Amino acid sequence: MPQTPHIELHFTSSEVVRDIVIGMADGLTVPFALAAGLSGAIDHTGIIVTAGLAEIAAGSIAMGLGGYMAAKSDAEHYAKEREREKREVAEIPHEEMREVAEVFQAYGLTEDEIWPIVQALKRQPRNWVDFMMRFELGLEKPEPKRAVTSALTIAGAYVGGGMIPLAPYIFAPSTAVALLYSVVLTLVALLIFGFVKGRFTGTRPLRSALQTVLIGSAAAGAAFAIARLIGG
């Protein structure tokens, strides 16, 4: 009797999602808090838009650069550890064989079951190093273009998120009206963003949505209150 092939679908873009979450979360909350804070001190949408655009530009560059440096550091760390493992495999193979055995012992395999695997890895030095990197050190080989991709993703997500709370100030006739629309748009965006983030990260979508809204609201509310207090 023919059987339907079993196809497993796994989400494999966790790093991209992480970068989007980092950029979008800050992009929604920081410009929102800045615009709301300025709204409590001045009544001029043009100044708020100029300040908001400057913050979005500076923030996206800073966030993108941070993502680039983090990814480059991961790649350099992986390369350094791989070279060390290559030396150890060549210079102290018996110690590395013992470490391989310990990995499989943790999974409940016996010595008789482990020995053929250890011998097989010993005959394939490159695969042996790959095994040690993944199962001893828990390191995955970074994508070659990971640093650039991370920088662009984070920066783009920051710009996209930042324009949502700032857009009402471009079109609204007054600061008060702009602030109202900015609050509504940003809260809706935070709710949707938090819900989608929860779906991708495996957490409860509704809980993630509410947490995101609360954090964004707290940031904007604090900035607004401080600006109003200072501005009198």
C-alpha atoms as a PDB file:
ATOM      1  CA  MET A   1       0.000   0.000   0.000  1.00  0.00           C
ATOM      2  CA  PRO A   2       1.577   3.320  -1.050  1.00  0.00           C
ATOM      3  CA  GLN A   3       2.315   5.734   1.731  1.00  0.00           C
ATOM      4  CA  THR A   4       2.372   9.484   1.627  1.00  0.00           C
ATOM      5  CA  PRO A   5       5.969  10.716   1.998  1.00  0.00           C
ATOM      6  CA  HIS A   6       6.631  12.331   5.345  1.00  0.00           C
ATOM      7  CA  ILE A   7       7.785  15.887   4.829  1.00  0.00           C
ATOM      8  CA  GLU A   8       8.972  17.887   7.820  1.00  0.00           C
ATOM      9  CA  LEU A   9       8.613  21.625   7.604  1.00  0.00           C
ATOM     10  CA  HIS A  10      10.909  23.517   9.916  1.00  0.00           C
ATOM     11  CA  PHE A  11      11.388  27.231  10.181  1.00  0.00           C
ATOM     12  CA  THR A  12      15.031  27.886   9.274  1.00  0.00           C
ATOM     13  CA  SER A  13      15.245  31.672   9.196  1.00  0.00           C
ATOM     14  CA  SER A  14      15.444  32.315  12.926  1.00  0.00           C
ATOM     15  CA  GLU A  15      18.419  34.680  12.552  1.00  0.00           C
ATOM     16  CA  VAL A  16      16.552  36.846  10.048  1.00  0.00           C
ATOM     17  CA  VAL A  17      13.488  36.925  12.296  1.00  0.00           C
ATOM     18  CA  ARG A  18      15.697  37.875  15.248  1.00  0.00           C
ATOM     19  CA  ASP A  19      17.148  40.780  13.279  1.00  0.00           C
ATOM     20  CA  ILE A  20      13.698  41.955  12.216  1.00  0.00           C
ATOM     21  CA  VAL A  21      12.475  41.754  15.805  1.00  0.00           C
ATOM     22  CA  ILE A  22      15.466  43.769  17.057  1.00  0.00           C
ATOM     23  CA  GLY A  23      15.111  46.467  14.411  1.00  0.00           C
ATOM     24  CA  MET A  24      11.322  46.690  14.413  1.00  0.00           C
ATOM     25  CA  ALA A  25      10.977  46.703  18.199  1.00  0.00           C
ATOM     26  CA  ASP A  26      13.367  49.621  18.616  1.00  0.00           C
ATOM     27  CA  GLY A  27      12.070  51.341  15.487  1.00  0.00           C
ATOM     28  CA  LEU A  28       8.536  51.398  16.816  1.00  0.00           C
ATOM     29  CA  THR A  29       9.315  52.380  20.391  1.00  0.00           C
ATOM     30  CA  VAL A  30      12.199  54.872  20.207  1.00  0.00           C
ATOM     31  CA  PRO A  31      10.833  57.274  17.524  1.00  0.00           C
ATOM     32  CA  PHE A  32       7.375  56.895  19.092  1.00  0.00           C
ATOM     33  CA  ALA A  33       8.740  57.900  22.478  1.00  0.00           C
ATOM     34  CA  LEU A  34      10.721  60.781  20.938  1.00  0.00           C
ATOM     35  CA  ALA A  35       7.737  62.158  19.008  1.00  0.00           C
ATOM     36  CA  ALA A  36       5.434  61.805  21.990  1.00  0.00           C
ATOM     37  CA  GLY A  37       7.985  63.437  24.257  1.00  0.00           C
ATOM     38  CA  LEU A  38       8.461  66.394  21.903  1.00  0.00           C
ATOM     39  CA  SER A  39       4.692  66.718  21.597  1.00  0.00           C
ATOM     40  CA  GLY A  40       4.586  67.385  25.319  1.00  0.00           C
ATOM     41  CA  ALA A  41       7.062  70.246  24.999  1.00  0.00           C
ATOM     42  CA  ILE A  42       6.469  71.973  21.641  1.00  0.00           C
ATOM     43  CA  ASP A  43       3.569  72.585  19.294  1.00  0.00           C
ATOM     44  CA  HIS A  44       5.312  72.415  15.920  1.00  0.00           C
ATOM     45  CA  THR A  45       4.948  69.288  13.770  1.00  0.00           C
ATOM     46  CA  GLY A  46       7.777  70.359  11.452  1.00  0.00           C
ATOM     47  CA  ILE A  47      10.337  70.294  14.249  1.00  0.00           C
ATOM     48  CA  ILE A  48       9.050  66.936  15.467  1.00  0.00           C
ATOM     49  CA  VAL A  49       9.267  65.459  11.956  1.00  0.00           C
ATOM     50  CA  THR A  50      12.817  66.773  11.488  1.00  0.00           C
ATOM     51  CA  ALA A  51      13.915  65.415  14.858  1.00  0.00           C
ATOM     52  CA  GLY A  52      12.158  62.117  14.196  1.00  0.00           C
ATOM     53  CA  LEU A  53      13.770  61.646  10.781  1.00  0.00           C
ATOM     54  CA  ALA A  54      17.186  62.468  12.222  1.00  0.00           C
ATOM     55  CA  GLU A  55      16.664  59.928  15.000  1.00  0.00           C
ATOM     56  CA  ILE A  56      15.498  57.259  12.552  1.00  0.00           C
ATOM     57  CA  ALA A  57      18.549  57.841  10.344  1.00  0.00           C
ATOM     58  CA  ALA A  58      20.977  57.772  13.263  1.00  0.00           C
ATOM     59  CA  GLY A  59      19.217  54.877  14.969  1.00  0.00           C
ATOM     60  CA  SER A  60      19.086  52.693  11.866  1.00  0.00           C
ATOM     61  CA  ILE A  61      22.794  53.264  11.176  1.00  0.00           C
ATOM     62  CA  ALA A  62      23.761  52.548  14.779  1.00  0.00           C
ATOM     63  CA  MET A  63      21.561  49.461  14.997  1.00  0.00           C
ATOM     64  CA  GLY A  64      22.725  48.165  11.623  1.00  0.00           C
ATOM     65  CA  LEU A  65      26.362  48.690  12.556  1.00  0.00           C
ATOM     66  CA  GLY A  66      25.775  46.891  15.831  1.00  0.00           C
ATOM     67  CA  GLY A  67      24.258  43.928  13.995  1.00  0.00           C
ATOM     68  CA  TYR A  68      27.178  43.886  11.559  1.00  0.00           C
ATOM     69  CA  MET A  69      29.788  43.913  14.310  1.00  0.00           C
ATOM     70  CA  ALA A  70      27.959  41.200  16.270  1.00  0.00           C
ATOM     71  CA  ALA A  71      27.773  38.924  13.223  1.00  0.00           C
ATOM     72  CA  LYS A  72      31.429  39.564  12.370  1.00  0.00           C
ATOM     73  CA  SER A  73      32.411  38.720  15.940  1.00  0.00           C
ATOM     74  CA  ASP A  74      30.471  35.446  15.726  1.00  0.00           C
ATOM     75  CA  ALA A  75      32.237  34.547  12.463  1.00  0.00           C
ATOM     76  CA  GLU A  76      35.664  35.377  13.878  1.00  0.00           C
ATOM     77  CA  HIS A  77      34.950  33.397  17.034  1.00  0.00           C
ATOM     78  CA  TYR A  78      33.849  30.376  14.968  1.00  0.00           C
ATOM     79  CA  ALA A  79      36.972  30.544  12.787  1.00  0.00           C
ATOM     80  CA  LYS A  80      39.239  30.780  15.813  1.00  0.00           C
ATOM     81  CA  GLU A  81      37.601  27.841  17.574  1.00  0.00           C
ATOM     82  CA  ARG A  82      37.684  25.734  14.404  1.00  0.00           C
ATOM     83  CA  GLU A  83      41.425  26.283  14.015  1.00  0.00           C
ATOM     84  CA  ARG A  84      41.910  25.236  17.623  1.00  0.00           C
ATOM     85  CA  GLU A  85      39.869  22.058  17.081  1.00  0.00           C
ATOM     86  CA  LYS A  86      41.883  21.239  13.940  1.00  0.00           C
ATOM     87  CA  ARG A  87      45.114  21.483  15.924  1.00  0.00           C
ATOM     88  CA  GLU A  88      43.760  19.321  18.723  1.00  0.00           C
ATOM     89  CA  VAL A  89      42.520  16.641  16.310  1.00  0.00           C
ATOM     90  CA  ALA A  90      45.988  16.520  14.737  1.00  0.00           C
ATOM     91  CA  GLU A  91      48.087  16.819  17.913  1.00  0.00           C
ATOM     92  CA  ILE A  92      46.054  15.118  20.648  1.00  0.00           C
ATOM     93  CA  PRO A  93      43.677  12.741  18.811  1.00  0.00           C
ATOM     94  CA  HIS A  94      43.223  10.434  21.812  1.00  0.00           C
ATOM     95  CA  GLU A  95      41.903  13.301  23.931  1.00  0.00           C
ATOM     96  CA  GLU A  96      39.509  14.307  21.148  1.00  0.00           C
ATOM     97  CA  MET A  97      38.353  10.704  20.793  1.00  0.00           C
ATOM     98  CA  ARG A  98      37.561  10.671  24.487  1.00  0.00           C
ATOM     99  CA  GLU A  99      35.512  13.848  24.089  1.00  0.00           C
ATOM    100  CA  VAL A 100      33.585  12.298  21.191  1.00  0.00           C
ATOM    101  CA  ALA A 101      32.824   9.282  23.362  1.00  0.00           C
ATOM    102  CA  GLU A 102      31.564  11.567  26.142  1.00  0.00           C
ATOM    103  CA  VAL A 103      29.153  13.237  23.732  1.00  0.00           C
ATOM    104  CA  PHE A 104      27.570   9.916  22.797  1.00  0.00           C
ATOM    105  CA  GLN A 105      27.607   8.669  26.380  1.00  0.00           C
ATOM    106  CA  ALA A 106      25.389  11.620  27.239  1.00  0.00           C
ATOM    107  CA  TYR A 107      22.850  10.166  24.772  1.00  0.00           C
ATOM    108  CA  GLY A 108      22.944   6.784  26.514  1.00  0.00           C
ATOM    109  CA  LEU A 109      25.101   4.823  24.047  1.00  0.00           C
ATOM    110  CA  THR A 110      27.372   2.036  25.317  1.00  0.00           C
ATOM    111  CA  GLU A 111      31.118   1.791  24.699  1.00  0.00           C
ATOM    112  CA  ASP A 112      30.590  -0.977  22.159  1.00  0.00           C
ATOM    113  CA  GLU A 113      28.176   1.231  20.240  1.00  0.00           C
ATOM    114  CA  ILE A 114      30.383   4.311  20.472  1.00  0.00           C
ATOM    115  CA  TRP A 115      33.715   2.787  19.397  1.00  0.00           C
ATOM    116  CA  PRO A 116      32.857   2.230  15.675  1.00  0.00           C
ATOM    117  CA  ILE A 117      31.570   5.811  15.437  1.00  0.00           C
ATOM    118  CA  VAL A 118      34.743   7.197  16.993  1.00  0.00           C
ATOM    119  CA  GLN A 119      36.889   5.180  14.587  1.00  0.00           C
ATOM    120  CA  ALA A 120      34.834   6.338  11.616  1.00  0.00           C
ATOM    121  CA  LEU A 121      35.261   9.995  12.609  1.00  0.00           C
ATOM    122  CA  LYS A 122      38.984   9.466  13.121  1.00  0.00           C
ATOM    123  CA  ARG A 123      39.316   8.478   9.460  1.00  0.00           C
ATOM    124  CA  GLN A 124      37.610  11.715   8.378  1.00  0.00           C
ATOM    125  CA  PRO A 125      39.421  14.622  10.068  1.00  0.00           C
ATOM    126  CA  ARG A 126      37.285  17.326   8.446  1.00  0.00           C
ATOM    127  CA  ASN A 127      34.036  15.718   9.522  1.00  0.00           C
ATOM    128  CA  TRP A 128      35.570  15.085  12.926  1.00  0.00           C
ATOM    129  CA  VAL A 129      36.256  18.800  13.355  1.00  0.00           C
ATOM    130  CA  ASP A 130      32.725  19.610  12.158  1.00  0.00           C
ATOM    131  CA  PHE A 131      31.339  17.192  14.745  1.00  0.00           C
ATOM    132  CA  MET A 132      33.361  18.734  17.569  1.00  0.00           C
ATOM    133  CA  MET A 133      32.338  22.250  16.590  1.00  0.00           C
ATOM    134  CA  ARG A 134      28.655  21.402  16.650  1.00  0.00           C
ATOM    135  CA  PHE A 135      28.326  18.890  19.462  1.00  0.00           C
ATOM    136  CA  GLU A 136      31.167  19.803  21.815  1.00  0.00           C
ATOM    137  CA  LEU A 137      31.162  23.586  21.427  1.00  0.00           C
ATOM    138  CA  GLY A 138      27.598  24.093  20.195  1.00  0.00           C
ATOM    139  CA  LEU A 139      28.736  26.346  17.345  1.00  0.00           C
ATOM    140  CA  GLU A 140      27.156  26.455  13.892  1.00  0.00           C
ATOM    141  CA  LYS A 141      29.077  27.732  10.878  1.00  0.00           C
ATOM    142  CA  PRO A 142      27.903  31.302  10.138  1.00  0.00           C
ATOM    143  CA  GLU A 143      26.660  32.206   6.678  1.00  0.00           C
ATOM    144  CA  PRO A 144      29.378  34.013   4.684  1.00  0.00           C
ATOM    145  CA  LYS A 145      27.185  37.076   4.074  1.00  0.00           C
ATOM    146  CA  ARG A 146      25.581  37.003   7.504  1.00  0.00           C
ATOM    147  CA  ALA A 147      27.127  40.285   8.724  1.00  0.00           C
ATOM    148  CA  VAL A 148      25.921  42.366   5.767  1.00  0.00           C
ATOM    149  CA  THR A 149      22.499  40.708   5.756  1.00  0.00           C
ATOM    150  CA  SER A 150      22.088  41.307   9.481  1.00  0.00           C
ATOM    151  CA  ALA A 151      23.059  44.971   9.191  1.00  0.00           C
ATOM    152  CA  LEU A 152      20.662  45.653   6.318  1.00  0.00           C
ATOM    153  CA  THR A 153      17.812  43.710   7.923  1.00  0.00           C
ATOM    154  CA  ILE A 154      18.073  45.456  11.279  1.00  0.00           C
ATOM    155  CA  ALA A 155      18.481  48.905   9.709  1.00  0.00           C
ATOM    156  CA  GLY A 156      15.586  48.359   7.297  1.00  0.00           C
ATOM    157  CA  ALA A 157      13.301  47.088  10.051  1.00  0.00           C
ATOM    158  CA  TYR A 158      14.221  50.090  12.208  1.00  0.00           C
ATOM    159  CA  VAL A 159      13.341  52.533   9.424  1.00  0.00           C
ATOM    160  CA  GLY A 160      10.083  50.722   8.658  1.00  0.00           C
ATOM    161  CA  GLY A 161       9.079  50.680  12.300  1.00  0.00           C
ATOM    162  CA  GLY A 162      10.131  54.263  12.934  1.00  0.00           C
ATOM    163  CA  MET A 163       8.077  55.740  10.104  1.00  0.00           C
ATOM    164  CA  ILE A 164       4.824  54.408  11.582  1.00  0.00           C
ATOM    165  CA  PRO A 165       4.670  56.683  14.655  1.00  0.00           C
ATOM    166  CA  LEU A 166       6.213  59.584  12.736  1.00  0.00           C
ATOM    167  CA  ALA A 167       3.899  59.520   9.690  1.00  0.00           C
ATOM    168  CA  PRO A 168       0.955  61.321  11.372  1.00  0.00           C
ATOM    169  CA  TYR A 169       3.162  64.309  12.138  1.00  0.00           C
ATOM    170  CA  ILE A 170       3.860  64.692   8.422  1.00  0.00           C
ATOM    171  CA  PHE A 171       0.201  64.909   7.425  1.00  0.00           C
ATOM    172  CA  ALA A 172      -1.735  66.050  10.510  1.00  0.00           C
ATOM    173  CA  PRO A 173      -2.657  69.758  10.853  1.00  0.00           C
ATOM    174  CA  SER A 174      -1.606  70.030  14.507  1.00  0.00           C
ATOM    175  CA  THR A 175       0.589  68.358  17.094  1.00  0.00           C
ATOM    176  CA  ALA A 176      -2.369  67.273  19.204  1.00  0.00           C
ATOM    177  CA  VAL A 177      -4.070  65.540  16.258  1.00  0.00           C
ATOM    178  CA  ALA A 178      -0.766  64.015  15.120  1.00  0.00           C
ATOM    179  CA  LEU A 179      -0.087  62.660  18.604  1.00  0.00           C
ATOM    180  CA  LEU A 180      -3.518  61.035  18.745  1.00  0.00           C
ATOM    181  CA  TYR A 181      -3.097  59.332  15.379  1.00  0.00           C
ATOM    182  CA  SER A 182       0.494  58.378  16.226  1.00  0.00           C
ATOM    183  CA  VAL A 183      -0.621  56.689  19.437  1.00  0.00           C
ATOM    184  CA  VAL A 184      -3.367  54.738  17.675  1.00  0.00           C
ATOM    185  CA  LEU A 185      -1.192  53.677  14.718  1.00  0.00           C
ATOM    186  CA  THR A 186       1.750  52.719  16.899  1.00  0.00           C
ATOM    187  CA  LEU A 187      -0.329  50.712  19.358  1.00  0.00           C
ATOM    188  CA  VAL A 188      -1.954  48.811  16.490  1.00  0.00           C
ATOM    189  CA  ALA A 189       1.459  48.233  14.907  1.00  0.00           C
ATOM    190  CA  LEU A 190       2.911  47.058  18.235  1.00  0.00           C
ATOM    191  CA  LEU A 191      -0.030  44.724  18.714  1.00  0.00           C
ATOM    192  CA  ILE A 192       0.358  43.199  15.240  1.00  0.00           C
ATOM    193  CA  PHE A 193       4.139  43.043  15.537  1.00  0.00           C
ATOM    194  CA  GLY A 194       3.985  41.365  18.930  1.00  0.00           C
ATOM    195  CA  PHE A 195       1.425  38.851  17.708  1.00  0.00           C
ATOM    196  CA  VAL A 196       3.474  37.920  14.620  1.00  0.00           C
ATOM    197  CA  LYS A 197       6.656  37.756  16.700  1.00  0.00           C
ATOM    198  CA  GLY A 198       4.954  35.344  19.068  1.00  0.00           C
ATOM    199  CA  ARG A 199       3.895  33.098  16.199  1.00  0.00           C
ATOM    200  CA  PHE A 200       7.436  32.899  14.822  1.00  0.00           C
ATOM    201  CA  THR A 201       9.238  32.538  18.144  1.00  0.00           C
ATOM    202  CA  GLY A 202       6.906  29.888  19.549  1.00  0.00           C
ATOM    203  CA  THR A 203       5.542  31.960  22.432  1.00  0.00           C
ATOM    204  CA  ARG A 204       1.871  32.705  22.993  1.00  0.00           C
ATOM    205  CA  PRO A 205       0.980  35.249  20.292  1.00  0.00           C
ATOM    206  CA  LEU A 206      -1.561  37.131  22.395  1.00  0.00           C
ATOM    207  CA  ARG A 207       0.772  37.331  25.372  1.00  0.00           C
ATOM    208  CA  SER A 208       3.614  38.497  23.138  1.00  0.00           C
ATOM    209  CA  ALA A 209       1.349  41.137  21.574  1.00  0.00           C
ATOM    210  CA  LEU A 210       0.268  42.509  24.949  1.00  0.00           C
ATOM    211  CA  GLN A 211       3.831  42.589  26.280  1.00  0.00           C
ATOM    212  CA  THR A 212       5.012  44.492  23.206  1.00  0.00           C
ATOM    213  CA  VAL A 213       2.206  47.028  23.524  1.00  0.00           C
ATOM    214  CA  LEU A 214       2.904  47.565  27.226  1.00  0.00           C
ATOM    215  CA  ILE A 215       6.626  48.146  26.672  1.00  0.00           C
ATOM    216  CA  GLY A 216       6.042  50.580  23.820  1.00  0.00           C
ATOM    217  CA  SER A 217       3.338  52.448  25.733  1.00  0.00           C
ATOM    218  CA  ALA A 218       5.513  52.723  28.829  1.00  0.00           C
ATOM    219  CA  ALA A 219       8.434  54.138  26.824  1.00  0.00           C
ATOM    220  CA  ALA A 220       6.303  56.730  25.051  1.00  0.00           C
ATOM    221  CA  GLY A 221       4.384  57.653  28.198  1.00  0.00           C
ATOM    222  CA  ALA A 222       7.572  58.213  30.174  1.00  0.00           C
ATOM    223  CA  ALA A 223       9.084  60.376  27.427  1.00  0.00           C
ATOM    224  CA  PHE A 224       5.892  62.424  27.108  1.00  0.00           C
ATOM    225  CA  ALA A 225       5.661  62.984  30.883  1.00  0.00           C
ATOM    226  CA  ILE A 226       9.325  64.019  31.188  1.00  0.00           C
ATOM    227  CA  ALA A 227       9.078  66.456  28.277  1.00  0.00           C
ATOM    228  CA  ARG A 228       5.863  67.968  29.615  1.00  0.00           C
ATOM    229  CA  LEU A 229       7.429  68.336  33.083  1.00  0.00           C
ATOM    230  CA  ILE A 230      10.571  69.992  31.725  1.00  0.00           C
ATOM    231  CA  GLY A 231       8.658  72.153  29.270  1.00  0.00           C
ATOM    232  CA  GLY A 232       6.245  73.276  31.938  1.00  0.00           C
END
